[in-house]
Amino acid sequence: MVFSAEELDDVKSTRLTWLKNAVDQQAERDLRMLTSRLASSSLNNTPFLSPEETYQLSKRLWQQITVQSLAEKWQQLRKNQDAFWEQNGKQ
């Protein structure tokens, strides 16, 4: 699977827009949503980040994702998947 630069840019833009909207609408969230997010973070042992923190972190991380890095990871996943099936197919 190969992604074009345009497809990747579209995904980045869409995701960051969604996260930015979450920041802008933070004051409108009710207590039930906040409680649910806190509980989920606790149960999953993941950090609880504010919408602003999530947006800022995502901006930095998305900048590191390139078409080349996606292609490399995809090839690595395929190689690992093939090795898994070869190993388990022999049993």
C-alpha atoms as a PDB file:
ATOM      1  CA  MET A   1       0.000   0.000   0.000  1.00  0.00           C
ATOM      2  CA  VAL A   2       1.401   3.347  -1.009  1.00  0.00           C
ATOM      3  CA  PHE A   3       0.074   6.712   0.047  1.00  0.00           C
ATOM      4  CA  SER A   4       0.546   9.820  -2.011  1.00  0.00           C
ATOM      5  CA  ALA A   5       1.796  13.041  -0.472  1.00  0.00           C
ATOM      6  CA  GLU A   6      -1.621  14.574  -1.134  1.00  0.00           C
ATOM      7  CA  GLU A   7      -3.415  11.768   0.708  1.00  0.00           C
ATOM      8  CA  LEU A   8      -1.101  12.086   3.679  1.00  0.00           C
ATOM      9  CA  ASP A   9      -1.502  15.876   3.756  1.00  0.00           C
ATOM     10  CA  ASP A  10      -5.279  15.451   3.645  1.00  0.00           C
ATOM     11  CA  VAL A  11      -5.249  13.043   6.605  1.00  0.00           C
ATOM     12  CA  LYS A  12      -2.917  15.320   8.580  1.00  0.00           C
ATOM     13  CA  SER A  13      -5.040  18.375   7.876  1.00  0.00           C
ATOM     14  CA  THR A  14      -8.304  16.627   8.720  1.00  0.00           C
ATOM     15  CA  ARG A  15      -6.983  15.173  11.968  1.00  0.00           C
ATOM     16  CA  LEU A  16      -5.399  18.439  13.114  1.00  0.00           C
ATOM     17  CA  THR A  17      -8.563  20.382  12.265  1.00  0.00           C
ATOM     18  CA  TRP A  18     -10.597  17.928  14.342  1.00  0.00           C
ATOM     19  CA  LEU A  19      -8.179  18.298  17.268  1.00  0.00           C
ATOM     20  CA  LYS A  20      -8.146  22.100  16.975  1.00  0.00           C
ATOM     21  CA  ASN A  21     -11.948  22.129  17.046  1.00  0.00           C
ATOM     22  CA  ALA A  22     -11.806  20.063  20.239  1.00  0.00           C
ATOM     23  CA  VAL A  23      -9.575  22.750  21.762  1.00  0.00           C
ATOM     24  CA  ASP A  24     -11.935  25.523  20.674  1.00  0.00           C
ATOM     25  CA  GLN A  25     -14.981  23.706  22.079  1.00  0.00           C
ATOM     26  CA  GLN A  26     -13.343  22.646  25.339  1.00  0.00           C
ATOM     27  CA  ALA A  27     -15.414  25.031  27.466  1.00  0.00           C
ATOM     28  CA  GLU A  28     -18.648  23.557  26.089  1.00  0.00           C
ATOM     29  CA  ARG A  29     -17.907  20.017  27.279  1.00  0.00           C
ATOM     30  CA  ASP A  30     -19.963  18.706  30.113  1.00  0.00           C
ATOM     31  CA  LEU A  31     -18.810  16.981  33.266  1.00  0.00           C
ATOM     32  CA  ARG A  32     -19.958  13.543  32.047  1.00  0.00           C
ATOM     33  CA  MET A  33     -17.575  13.668  29.083  1.00  0.00           C
ATOM     34  CA  LEU A  34     -14.685  14.746  31.282  1.00  0.00           C
ATOM     35  CA  THR A  35     -15.448  12.006  33.804  1.00  0.00           C
ATOM     36  CA  SER A  36     -15.595   9.435  31.022  1.00  0.00           C
ATOM     37  CA  ARG A  37     -12.221  10.524  29.625  1.00  0.00           C
ATOM     38  CA  LEU A  38     -10.618  10.422  33.070  1.00  0.00           C
ATOM     39  CA  ALA A  39     -12.006   6.955  33.745  1.00  0.00           C
ATOM     40  CA  SER A  40     -10.863   5.692  30.359  1.00  0.00           C
ATOM     41  CA  SER A  41      -7.358   7.039  30.905  1.00  0.00           C
ATOM     42  CA  SER A  42      -7.217   5.406  34.304  1.00  0.00           C
ATOM     43  CA  LEU A  43      -8.505   2.033  33.100  1.00  0.00           C
ATOM     44  CA  ASN A  44      -6.210   1.976  30.068  1.00  0.00           C
ATOM     45  CA  ASN A  45      -3.196   3.287  31.985  1.00  0.00           C
ATOM     46  CA  THR A  46      -2.751   6.123  29.505  1.00  0.00           C
ATOM     47  CA  PRO A  47      -2.030   9.767  30.261  1.00  0.00           C
ATOM     48  CA  PHE A  48      -4.937  12.163  30.492  1.00  0.00           C
ATOM     49  CA  LEU A  49      -4.226  15.069  28.179  1.00  0.00           C
ATOM     50  CA  SER A  50      -6.234  18.201  27.709  1.00  0.00           C
ATOM     51  CA  PRO A  51      -7.467  18.924  24.191  1.00  0.00           C
ATOM     52  CA  GLU A  52      -4.759  21.613  23.896  1.00  0.00           C
ATOM     53  CA  GLU A  53      -2.034  19.170  24.954  1.00  0.00           C
ATOM     54  CA  THR A  54      -3.318  16.545  22.526  1.00  0.00           C
ATOM     55  CA  TYR A  55      -3.412  19.098  19.699  1.00  0.00           C
ATOM     56  CA  GLN A  56       0.123  20.377  20.363  1.00  0.00           C
ATOM     57  CA  LEU A  57       1.538  16.856  20.669  1.00  0.00           C
ATOM     58  CA  SER A  58      -0.235  15.745  17.501  1.00  0.00           C
ATOM     59  CA  LYS A  59       1.080  18.739  15.542  1.00  0.00           C
ATOM     60  CA  ARG A  60       4.648  17.732  16.440  1.00  0.00           C
ATOM     61  CA  LEU A  61       4.085  14.053  15.730  1.00  0.00           C
ATOM     62  CA  TRP A  62       2.305  14.553  12.406  1.00  0.00           C
ATOM     63  CA  GLN A  63       5.260  16.597  11.163  1.00  0.00           C
ATOM     64  CA  GLN A  64       7.448  13.514  11.566  1.00  0.00           C
ATOM     65  CA  ILE A  65       5.217  11.302   9.421  1.00  0.00           C
ATOM     66  CA  THR A  66       6.190  11.276   5.764  1.00  0.00           C
ATOM     67  CA  VAL A  67       5.175   9.223   2.753  1.00  0.00           C
ATOM     68  CA  GLN A  68       8.590   7.555   2.941  1.00  0.00           C
ATOM     69  CA  SER A  69       8.253   6.677   6.639  1.00  0.00           C
ATOM     70  CA  LEU A  70       4.779   5.230   6.002  1.00  0.00           C
ATOM     71  CA  ALA A  71       6.076   3.125   3.113  1.00  0.00           C
ATOM     72  CA  GLU A  72       8.936   1.817   5.260  1.00  0.00           C
ATOM     73  CA  LYS A  73       6.620   0.930   8.149  1.00  0.00           C
ATOM     74  CA  TRP A  74       4.171  -0.722   5.763  1.00  0.00           C
ATOM     75  CA  GLN A  75       6.942  -2.890   4.323  1.00  0.00           C
ATOM     76  CA  GLN A  76       8.092  -3.785   7.830  1.00  0.00           C
ATOM     77  CA  LEU A  77       4.558  -4.785   8.825  1.00  0.00           C
ATOM     78  CA  ARG A  78       4.185  -6.915   5.703  1.00  0.00           C
ATOM     79  CA  LYS A  79       7.520  -8.615   6.357  1.00  0.00           C
ATOM     80  CA  ASN A  80       6.550  -9.339   9.974  1.00  0.00           C
ATOM     81  CA  GLN A  81       3.146 -10.606   8.881  1.00  0.00           C
ATOM     82  CA  ASP A  82       4.709 -12.935   6.299  1.00  0.00           C
ATOM     83  CA  ALA A  83       7.182 -14.248   8.893  1.00  0.00           C
ATOM     84  CA  PHE A  84       4.321 -14.845  11.334  1.00  0.00           C
ATOM     85  CA  TRP A  85       2.334 -16.882   8.814  1.00  0.00           C
ATOM     86  CA  GLU A  86       5.390 -18.831   7.717  1.00  0.00           C
ATOM     87  CA  GLN A  87       6.215 -19.694  11.321  1.00  0.00           C
ATOM     88  CA  ASN A  88       2.668 -20.592  12.327  1.00  0.00           C
ATOM     89  CA  GLY A  89       1.892 -22.394   9.101  1.00  0.00           C
ATOM     90  CA  LYS A  90       4.598 -24.956   9.843  1.00  0.00           C
ATOM     91  CA  GLN A  91       2.958 -26.117  13.066  1.00  0.00           C
END
